[in-house]
Amino acid sequence: MNRSRTRSTAFAALGSAALLAALLSAFGQPAAPPPPSGSAARTPACGTHTGGAACAAYGRAAKLGGGTIRTYSEYRGGIPRALGIALTAAAVTGLPTAAATDGKHCYDADGDGHLDGGHECVGGHSIELALPATPAAAAALPFQWALFNWNPHGHNPHGRYDVAHFDVHFYLAPRKVREAIRTGGCALLIACDQLAEAGRPVPAAYLPAGYPASSPQTAEGAMGAHLDSRPPSTGTLSGQTFIYGAYGGDLIFMEPMLTRDFLQRHRTAPGHRTCEAIPQPAAWRIPGWYPTQYCTAYRPDEGDYTVSLTEFVHSGGARRLATEVR
């Protein structure tokens, strides 16, 4: 049968974007990504001019589990309202569980010529995600890209994060900074000659309230040092928490960390949404819009989950701080 005739007939009969995507897929072409999730799915796409109305922008979808994941951002009147990742419900199923990591970042620490994925690799199963383009006439965010990690067996420190969970990194530094942090035999598999730089203290003016200035023992290859505010007595993670990442005395990422069970509980929990405050520094070194809250949510209408940074406020950066200190 003539393929174009088949398509024309099918298009007329089906008349829906979802079925159209399925048809294109059947002909060997990639199906269109699902609609954006969370509140972004109900918000019009940002056009040439954002005006005073709310609008959303979306990143490119990537395959995850049985579904997809992508970034999204929301604006109102050109001011950022949210930056997050959206996971279709199917993305949370079919995730790899046997292998601890995808083997992208490993180091033969015991020198036996064999890589033990559970102890000589870091990063779990990771996906690098581009952020949505900043709409015209909207304020730019200081974030540059996102890194999503699925850790089926958790990771160090044991007794705290050795439970199946997701790490969602929103990077304030370019990819090349992360790429230059090599794996090696020190701390959490970081190159030993980079341990001191990873553990260089963040200046007090830029240190978020309640976080240590440095944490070389949690410096990780292909990542940096993890600044953790959770007291040791809190035990194994059972919900969500917030980590800052540092390298060379600078904050390089902001990281909501949450268990898979916690994410999935939002499907049946009243309100379907949990938000917590993000501890702030006295000032940010680079001027811009920074989030003061992070949220985990399930959107029944779209059947998907979101992990987002919200409630943005503007910081004048180092110049403003210098004026205030005087």
Foldseek 3Di string as FASTA:
>chain_A
DDPVVVLVVCCVVPVDLQVNQVVCVVVVHHRDADAFDDPQSVADAFDQAQAQGKHKFWFDWDQAAQHIKTWMWMDGRQETFKTWMWTFLNNLHRHDQPFQAPPPAFDPQVPPPDTDRQQTGDQHYKDKYAGGDRHHPHFDALFGTKMKHWGNQFHPPPQATRHTKMKIKGWSDDLVVLVPFHADNAQARTNPVQLCQLFDFADQQFDFPQWGRGDSNQQHRSFGRKIANDDPVVTYDDAWGWIWGGGRNATTIIIIMGHSVNLVVLVPDVPQKDKDFDGGGNAAQDWDKAAGMWMWGADVVRNIIMTMGGDIDTGPHDVVVVVVVD
